[in-house]
Amino acid sequence: MRIYDVSVGISPEIPVWPGDPPVRLERTQSMDAGAHANVSRFEAGVHVGTHIDAPLHFIRGGRSIEAIPLKSLIGRAYVVELKRAEVLDASTLEGAGIPPRTRRLLFKTRNSEFWTKGERKFRRDFVAVDPSGAQWMVRKGVRLVGVDYLSVAPFGDGAPTHRILLEAGVVIVEGLNLTGVAQGRYSIYCLPLKLIGSDGAPARVILVGV
């Protein structure tokens, strides 16, 4: 059994979505300074690094993060590699050879290289799912979609893709690092922080080879 940690490490150097709070991680008590224990303070937006969008993120009155069923977040998943894609639209997905009845679908694109290179600056040219791609996944019965940058939707036009997926009950996982993960079938374990009433939450996501 091989385990892949596809979560992005969170630190003050990580890129965040423009306008979101920066990451702050500071030691408030230090044993070197005479304290009995080391204690740190963490501050960030809920859509930092590898995270899950709750329906509340784009739907007024939608479910918050703690209401997402765990059974949606754990189970069989398929990683599809589309390194040459510039947009994940219906045409691209139709020709990608995605197995029928795939319920959890993760996209490995050139975005993963941003994480591998340790880029600190936010990239606006990331590969994302357009509305036609979102509609394609809803038609095919996909229940969870994962992408390897900070948004499932293209920069500057995020609402349509998010709403199509979230209104259909599709779980959105953003900020994966799929470097080193080959195309194929895996088991996914995706556990967000249980932030009551939140529109999203950071998550630790692992894949297990099957």
C-alpha atoms as a PDB file:
ATOM      1  CA  MET A   1       0.000   0.000   0.000  1.00  0.00           C
ATOM      2  CA  ARG A   2       1.353   3.416  -0.965  1.00  0.00           C
ATOM      3  CA  ILE A   3       0.096   6.618   0.628  1.00  0.00           C
ATOM      4  CA  TYR A   4       0.329   9.985  -1.160  1.00  0.00           C
ATOM      5  CA  ASP A   5      -0.064  13.198   0.800  1.00  0.00           C
ATOM      6  CA  VAL A   6      -1.547  15.552  -1.793  1.00  0.00           C
ATOM      7  CA  SER A   7      -2.048  18.428   0.645  1.00  0.00           C
ATOM      8  CA  VAL A   8      -0.129  21.683   0.328  1.00  0.00           C
ATOM      9  CA  GLY A   9       1.921  22.717   3.351  1.00  0.00           C
ATOM     10  CA  ILE A  10       0.604  25.902   4.990  1.00  0.00           C
ATOM     11  CA  SER A  11       3.117  28.586   5.907  1.00  0.00           C
ATOM     12  CA  PRO A  12       3.438  32.377   5.607  1.00  0.00           C
ATOM     13  CA  GLU A  13       5.164  31.817   2.234  1.00  0.00           C
ATOM     14  CA  ILE A  14       2.222  30.065   0.570  1.00  0.00           C
ATOM     15  CA  PRO A  15       0.317  32.019  -2.119  1.00  0.00           C
ATOM     16  CA  VAL A  16      -3.222  33.004  -1.210  1.00  0.00           C
ATOM     17  CA  TRP A  17      -6.150  34.179  -3.297  1.00  0.00           C
ATOM     18  CA  PRO A  18      -5.947  37.948  -3.963  1.00  0.00           C
ATOM     19  CA  GLY A  19      -7.766  39.769  -1.166  1.00  0.00           C
ATOM     20  CA  ASP A  20      -7.702  36.821   1.241  1.00  0.00           C
ATOM     21  CA  PRO A  21      -5.881  37.201   4.565  1.00  0.00           C
ATOM     22  CA  PRO A  22      -2.201  36.216   4.521  1.00  0.00           C
ATOM     23  CA  VAL A  23      -1.038  33.283   6.593  1.00  0.00           C
ATOM     24  CA  ARG A  24       0.357  34.172  10.012  1.00  0.00           C
ATOM     25  CA  LEU A  25       2.046  31.579  12.166  1.00  0.00           C
ATOM     26  CA  GLU A  26       3.894  32.901  15.177  1.00  0.00           C
ATOM     27  CA  ARG A  27       5.271  31.543  18.429  1.00  0.00           C
ATOM     28  CA  THR A  28       3.480  33.238  21.315  1.00  0.00           C
ATOM     29  CA  GLN A  29       5.221  31.275  24.074  1.00  0.00           C
ATOM     30  CA  SER A  30       8.716  29.857  23.743  1.00  0.00           C
ATOM     31  CA  MET A  31      10.636  27.398  25.875  1.00  0.00           C
ATOM     32  CA  ASP A  32      13.824  29.185  24.767  1.00  0.00           C
ATOM     33  CA  ALA A  33      12.429  32.290  26.433  1.00  0.00           C
ATOM     34  CA  GLY A  34      11.599  30.486  29.663  1.00  0.00           C
ATOM     35  CA  ALA A  35       8.053  29.245  28.995  1.00  0.00           C
ATOM     36  CA  HIS A  36       7.043  25.751  30.098  1.00  0.00           C
ATOM     37  CA  ALA A  37       5.929  24.867  26.543  1.00  0.00           C
ATOM     38  CA  ASN A  38       6.015  26.145  22.996  1.00  0.00           C
ATOM     39  CA  VAL A  39       2.653  27.635  21.952  1.00  0.00           C
ATOM     40  CA  SER A  40       1.870  29.136  18.560  1.00  0.00           C
ATOM     41  CA  ARG A  41      -0.877  31.276  17.036  1.00  0.00           C
ATOM     42  CA  PHE A  42      -2.273  30.627  13.557  1.00  0.00           C
ATOM     43  CA  GLU A  43      -4.279  33.007  11.384  1.00  0.00           C
ATOM     44  CA  ALA A  44      -5.471  32.555   7.795  1.00  0.00           C
ATOM     45  CA  GLY A  45      -8.530  32.547   5.573  1.00  0.00           C
ATOM     46  CA  VAL A  46     -10.558  29.350   5.409  1.00  0.00           C
ATOM     47  CA  HIS A  47      -9.778  28.938   1.690  1.00  0.00           C
ATOM     48  CA  VAL A  48      -6.042  28.607   2.257  1.00  0.00           C
ATOM     49  CA  GLY A  49      -3.874  25.876   0.742  1.00  0.00           C
ATOM     50  CA  THR A  50      -5.653  22.568   0.265  1.00  0.00           C
ATOM     51  CA  HIS A  51      -9.254  23.229   1.246  1.00  0.00           C
ATOM     52  CA  ILE A  52     -12.893  22.385   0.645  1.00  0.00           C
ATOM     53  CA  ASP A  53     -15.579  24.799  -0.518  1.00  0.00           C
ATOM     54  CA  ALA A  54     -18.914  24.431   1.232  1.00  0.00           C
ATOM     55  CA  PRO A  55     -22.114  25.275  -0.693  1.00  0.00           C
ATOM     56  CA  LEU A  56     -22.390  28.369   1.529  1.00  0.00           C
ATOM     57  CA  HIS A  57     -19.351  29.773  -0.293  1.00  0.00           C
ATOM     58  CA  PHE A  58     -21.511  30.672  -3.319  1.00  0.00           C
ATOM     59  CA  ILE A  59     -25.086  29.786  -2.366  1.00  0.00           C
ATOM     60  CA  ARG A  60     -27.079  31.961   0.013  1.00  0.00           C
ATOM     61  CA  GLY A  61     -28.394  29.687   2.764  1.00  0.00           C
ATOM     62  CA  GLY A  62     -26.290  26.745   1.525  1.00  0.00           C
ATOM     63  CA  ARG A  63     -24.766  24.114   3.777  1.00  0.00           C
ATOM     64  CA  SER A  64     -21.717  25.054   5.796  1.00  0.00           C
ATOM     65  CA  ILE A  65     -18.602  22.919   5.975  1.00  0.00           C
ATOM     66  CA  GLU A  66     -19.558  20.734   8.946  1.00  0.00           C
ATOM     67  CA  ALA A  67     -22.727  19.599   7.143  1.00  0.00           C
ATOM     68  CA  ILE A  68     -20.901  17.977   4.216  1.00  0.00           C
ATOM     69  CA  PRO A  69     -21.398  14.191   4.557  1.00  0.00           C
ATOM     70  CA  LEU A  70     -18.178  12.353   5.330  1.00  0.00           C
ATOM     71  CA  LYS A  71     -19.163   9.578   2.920  1.00  0.00           C
ATOM     72  CA  SER A  72     -18.716  12.083   0.099  1.00  0.00           C
ATOM     73  CA  LEU A  73     -15.145  12.770   1.215  1.00  0.00           C
ATOM     74  CA  ILE A  74     -13.913   9.182   1.531  1.00  0.00           C
ATOM     75  CA  GLY A  75     -13.906   6.468  -1.117  1.00  0.00           C
ATOM     76  CA  ARG A  76     -12.724   5.535  -4.587  1.00  0.00           C
ATOM     77  CA  ALA A  77     -11.333   8.330  -6.766  1.00  0.00           C
ATOM     78  CA  TYR A  78      -9.822   8.662 -10.215  1.00  0.00           C
ATOM     79  CA  VAL A  79      -6.877  10.921 -11.066  1.00  0.00           C
ATOM     80  CA  VAL A  80      -6.858  12.075 -14.696  1.00  0.00           C
ATOM     81  CA  GLU A  81      -3.716  13.722 -16.039  1.00  0.00           C
ATOM     82  CA  LEU A  82      -4.264  16.574 -18.493  1.00  0.00           C
ATOM     83  CA  LYS A  83      -0.910  18.330 -18.665  1.00  0.00           C
ATOM     84  CA  ARG A  84      -1.548  19.997 -22.025  1.00  0.00           C
ATOM     85  CA  ALA A  85      -5.006  21.315 -21.210  1.00  0.00           C
ATOM     86  CA  GLU A  86      -5.515  25.072 -20.972  1.00  0.00           C
ATOM     87  CA  VAL A  87      -9.120  24.788 -19.825  1.00  0.00           C
ATOM     88  CA  LEU A  88     -11.139  21.883 -18.483  1.00  0.00           C
ATOM     89  CA  ASP A  89     -14.221  22.200 -20.650  1.00  0.00           C
ATOM     90  CA  ALA A  90     -16.760  19.603 -21.754  1.00  0.00           C
ATOM     91  CA  SER A  91     -14.852  18.760 -24.922  1.00  0.00           C
ATOM     92  CA  THR A  92     -11.609  18.142 -23.022  1.00  0.00           C
ATOM     93  CA  LEU A  93     -13.321  15.982 -20.413  1.00  0.00           C
ATOM     94  CA  GLU A  94     -15.239  13.975 -23.011  1.00  0.00           C
ATOM     95  CA  GLY A  95     -11.960  13.045 -24.693  1.00  0.00           C
ATOM     96  CA  ALA A  96      -9.978  12.380 -21.512  1.00  0.00           C
ATOM     97  CA  GLY A  97     -10.902   8.705 -21.157  1.00  0.00           C
ATOM     98  CA  ILE A  98     -12.435   9.150 -17.715  1.00  0.00           C
ATOM     99  CA  PRO A  99     -13.936   5.796 -16.662  1.00  0.00           C
ATOM    100  CA  PRO A 100     -17.731   5.531 -16.561  1.00  0.00           C
ATOM    101  CA  ARG A 101     -19.362   5.847 -13.139  1.00  0.00           C
ATOM    102  CA  THR A 102     -16.433   7.837 -11.731  1.00  0.00           C
ATOM    103  CA  ARG A 103     -17.819   9.574  -8.637  1.00  0.00           C
ATOM    104  CA  ARG A 104     -14.691  11.334  -7.322  1.00  0.00           C
ATOM    105  CA  LEU A 105     -12.559  12.963  -9.989  1.00  0.00           C
ATOM    106  CA  LEU A 106      -9.191  14.682  -9.457  1.00  0.00           C
ATOM    107  CA  PHE A 107      -7.500  16.737 -12.168  1.00  0.00           C
ATOM    108  CA  LYS A 108      -3.711  16.695 -12.481  1.00  0.00           C
ATOM    109  CA  THR A 109      -2.630  19.582 -14.726  1.00  0.00           C
ATOM    110  CA  ARG A 110       0.393  21.819 -15.163  1.00  0.00           C
ATOM    111  CA  ASN A 111      -0.838  23.614 -12.022  1.00  0.00           C
ATOM    112  CA  SER A 112       0.864  21.030  -9.808  1.00  0.00           C
ATOM    113  CA  GLU A 113       4.208  22.310 -11.040  1.00  0.00           C
ATOM    114  CA  PHE A 114       3.504  25.638  -9.308  1.00  0.00           C
ATOM    115  CA  TRP A 115       3.578  23.827  -5.959  1.00  0.00           C
ATOM    116  CA  THR A 116       6.618  21.746  -6.901  1.00  0.00           C
ATOM    117  CA  LYS A 117       8.587  24.879  -7.773  1.00  0.00           C
ATOM    118  CA  GLY A 118       7.594  26.523  -4.499  1.00  0.00           C
ATOM    119  CA  GLU A 119       6.144  29.587  -6.181  1.00  0.00           C
ATOM    120  CA  ARG A 120       5.118  32.185  -3.623  1.00  0.00           C
ATOM    121  CA  LYS A 121       3.313  34.554  -5.959  1.00  0.00           C
ATOM    122  CA  PHE A 122      -0.310  33.873  -6.859  1.00  0.00           C
ATOM    123  CA  ARG A 123      -0.717  32.648 -10.445  1.00  0.00           C
ATOM    124  CA  ARG A 124      -3.699  33.883 -12.437  1.00  0.00           C
ATOM    125  CA  ASP A 125      -3.003  31.639 -15.442  1.00  0.00           C
ATOM    126  CA  PHE A 126      -3.952  28.382 -13.745  1.00  0.00           C
ATOM    127  CA  VAL A 127      -5.930  25.654 -15.519  1.00  0.00           C
ATOM    128  CA  ALA A 128      -9.521  25.450 -14.307  1.00  0.00           C
ATOM    129  CA  VAL A 129     -12.983  24.062 -15.038  1.00  0.00           C
ATOM    130  CA  ASP A 130     -15.273  26.228 -17.153  1.00  0.00           C
ATOM    131  CA  PRO A 131     -19.089  26.061 -16.883  1.00  0.00           C
ATOM    132  CA  SER A 132     -19.381  23.483 -19.678  1.00  0.00           C
ATOM    133  CA  GLY A 133     -16.929  21.227 -17.850  1.00  0.00           C
ATOM    134  CA  ALA A 134     -18.894  21.631 -14.631  1.00  0.00           C
ATOM    135  CA  GLN A 135     -22.133  20.722 -16.418  1.00  0.00           C
ATOM    136  CA  TRP A 136     -20.420  17.686 -17.956  1.00  0.00           C
ATOM    137  CA  MET A 137     -19.441  16.403 -14.509  1.00  0.00           C
ATOM    138  CA  VAL A 138     -22.930  16.942 -13.114  1.00  0.00           C
ATOM    139  CA  ARG A 139     -24.424  14.990 -16.052  1.00  0.00           C
ATOM    140  CA  LYS A 140     -21.959  12.143 -15.474  1.00  0.00           C
ATOM    141  CA  GLY A 141     -22.799  11.881 -11.771  1.00  0.00           C
ATOM    142  CA  VAL A 142     -19.489  13.105 -10.335  1.00  0.00           C
ATOM    143  CA  ARG A 143     -19.913  13.795  -6.599  1.00  0.00           C
ATOM    144  CA  LEU A 144     -16.482  15.208  -5.746  1.00  0.00           C
ATOM    145  CA  VAL A 145     -14.068  17.180  -7.918  1.00  0.00           C
ATOM    146  CA  GLY A 146     -10.511  18.060  -6.962  1.00  0.00           C
ATOM    147  CA  VAL A 147      -8.212  20.553  -8.699  1.00  0.00           C
ATOM    148  CA  ASP A 148      -4.524  21.334  -8.283  1.00  0.00           C
ATOM    149  CA  TYR A 149      -4.721  25.081  -7.715  1.00  0.00           C
ATOM    150  CA  LEU A 150      -6.655  27.475  -5.507  1.00  0.00           C
ATOM    151  CA  SER A 151      -9.908  27.552  -7.479  1.00  0.00           C
ATOM    152  CA  VAL A 152     -11.938  25.089  -9.494  1.00  0.00           C
ATOM    153  CA  ALA A 153     -13.025  27.984 -11.733  1.00  0.00           C
ATOM    154  CA  PRO A 154     -11.035  30.321 -13.980  1.00  0.00           C
ATOM    155  CA  PHE A 155      -9.670  33.498 -12.433  1.00  0.00           C
ATOM    156  CA  GLY A 156     -12.044  36.447 -12.785  1.00  0.00           C
ATOM    157  CA  ASP A 157     -15.106  34.318 -13.612  1.00  0.00           C
ATOM    158  CA  GLY A 158     -15.548  31.996 -10.675  1.00  0.00           C
ATOM    159  CA  ALA A 159     -19.243  32.134  -9.863  1.00  0.00           C
ATOM    160  CA  PRO A 160     -20.803  30.087 -12.719  1.00  0.00           C
ATOM    161  CA  THR A 161     -18.611  26.999 -12.322  1.00  0.00           C
ATOM    162  CA  HIS A 162     -18.882  27.051  -8.522  1.00  0.00           C
ATOM    163  CA  ARG A 163     -22.653  27.425  -8.565  1.00  0.00           C
ATOM    164  CA  ILE A 164     -23.220  24.661 -11.119  1.00  0.00           C
ATOM    165  CA  LEU A 165     -21.232  22.222  -8.991  1.00  0.00           C
ATOM    166  CA  LEU A 166     -22.348  23.307  -5.529  1.00  0.00           C
ATOM    167  CA  GLU A 167     -26.041  23.521  -6.429  1.00  0.00           C
ATOM    168  CA  ALA A 168     -25.791  19.931  -7.703  1.00  0.00           C
ATOM    169  CA  GLY A 169     -24.224  18.788  -4.421  1.00  0.00           C
ATOM    170  CA  VAL A 170     -20.746  18.240  -5.867  1.00  0.00           C
ATOM    171  CA  VAL A 171     -17.987  18.610  -3.260  1.00  0.00           C
ATOM    172  CA  ILE A 172     -15.179  20.935  -4.394  1.00  0.00           C
ATOM    173  CA  VAL A 173     -11.615  20.290  -3.229  1.00  0.00           C
ATOM    174  CA  GLU A 174      -9.088  22.949  -4.215  1.00  0.00           C
ATOM    175  CA  GLY A 175      -5.338  23.381  -3.814  1.00  0.00           C
ATOM    176  CA  LEU A 176      -4.203  19.787  -4.304  1.00  0.00           C
ATOM    177  CA  ASN A 177      -0.613  18.962  -5.203  1.00  0.00           C
ATOM    178  CA  LEU A 178      -0.701  15.909  -7.444  1.00  0.00           C
ATOM    179  CA  THR A 179       2.995  15.894  -8.320  1.00  0.00           C
ATOM    180  CA  GLY A 180       4.227  12.321  -8.239  1.00  0.00           C
ATOM    181  CA  VAL A 181       0.723  10.865  -8.500  1.00  0.00           C
ATOM    182  CA  ALA A 182       0.146   8.877 -11.683  1.00  0.00           C
ATOM    183  CA  GLN A 183      -3.126   8.747 -13.541  1.00  0.00           C
ATOM    184  CA  GLY A 184      -5.320   5.990 -12.187  1.00  0.00           C
ATOM    185  CA  ARG A 185      -7.565   4.782  -9.388  1.00  0.00           C
ATOM    186  CA  TYR A 186      -7.019   5.530  -5.706  1.00  0.00           C
ATOM    187  CA  SER A 187      -8.846   5.720  -2.423  1.00  0.00           C
ATOM    188  CA  ILE A 188      -9.209   9.293  -1.193  1.00  0.00           C
ATOM    189  CA  TYR A 189      -9.439  10.459   2.411  1.00  0.00           C
ATOM    190  CA  CYS A 190     -10.323  14.134   2.593  1.00  0.00           C
ATOM    191  CA  LEU A 191     -11.016  15.602   6.039  1.00  0.00           C
ATOM    192  CA  PRO A 192     -11.690  19.344   6.463  1.00  0.00           C
ATOM    193  CA  LEU A 193     -11.452  21.124   9.776  1.00  0.00           C
ATOM    194  CA  LYS A 194     -14.861  21.109  11.460  1.00  0.00           C
ATOM    195  CA  LEU A 195     -15.408  24.873  11.435  1.00  0.00           C
ATOM    196  CA  ILE A 196     -19.026  25.380  12.445  1.00  0.00           C
ATOM    197  CA  GLY A 197     -20.932  27.666  10.094  1.00  0.00           C
ATOM    198  CA  SER A 198     -17.976  28.219   7.761  1.00  0.00           C
ATOM    199  CA  ASP A 199     -18.083  28.539   3.952  1.00  0.00           C
ATOM    200  CA  GLY A 200     -14.899  26.461   3.660  1.00  0.00           C
ATOM    201  CA  ALA A 201     -12.090  24.844   5.581  1.00  0.00           C
ATOM    202  CA  PRO A 202      -8.485  23.694   5.136  1.00  0.00           C
ATOM    203  CA  ALA A 203      -8.200  19.927   4.702  1.00  0.00           C
ATOM    204  CA  ARG A 204      -5.618  17.173   4.893  1.00  0.00           C
ATOM    205  CA  VAL A 205      -6.045  15.007   1.816  1.00  0.00           C
ATOM    206  CA  ILE A 206      -4.342  11.698   1.137  1.00  0.00           C
ATOM    207  CA  LEU A 207      -4.587   9.165  -1.659  1.00  0.00           C
ATOM    208  CA  VAL A 208      -3.986   5.469  -1.147  1.00  0.00           C
ATOM    209  CA  GLY A 209      -2.992   3.275  -4.085  1.00  0.00           C
ATOM    210  CA  VAL A 210      -5.468   0.507  -4.857  1.00  0.00           C
END
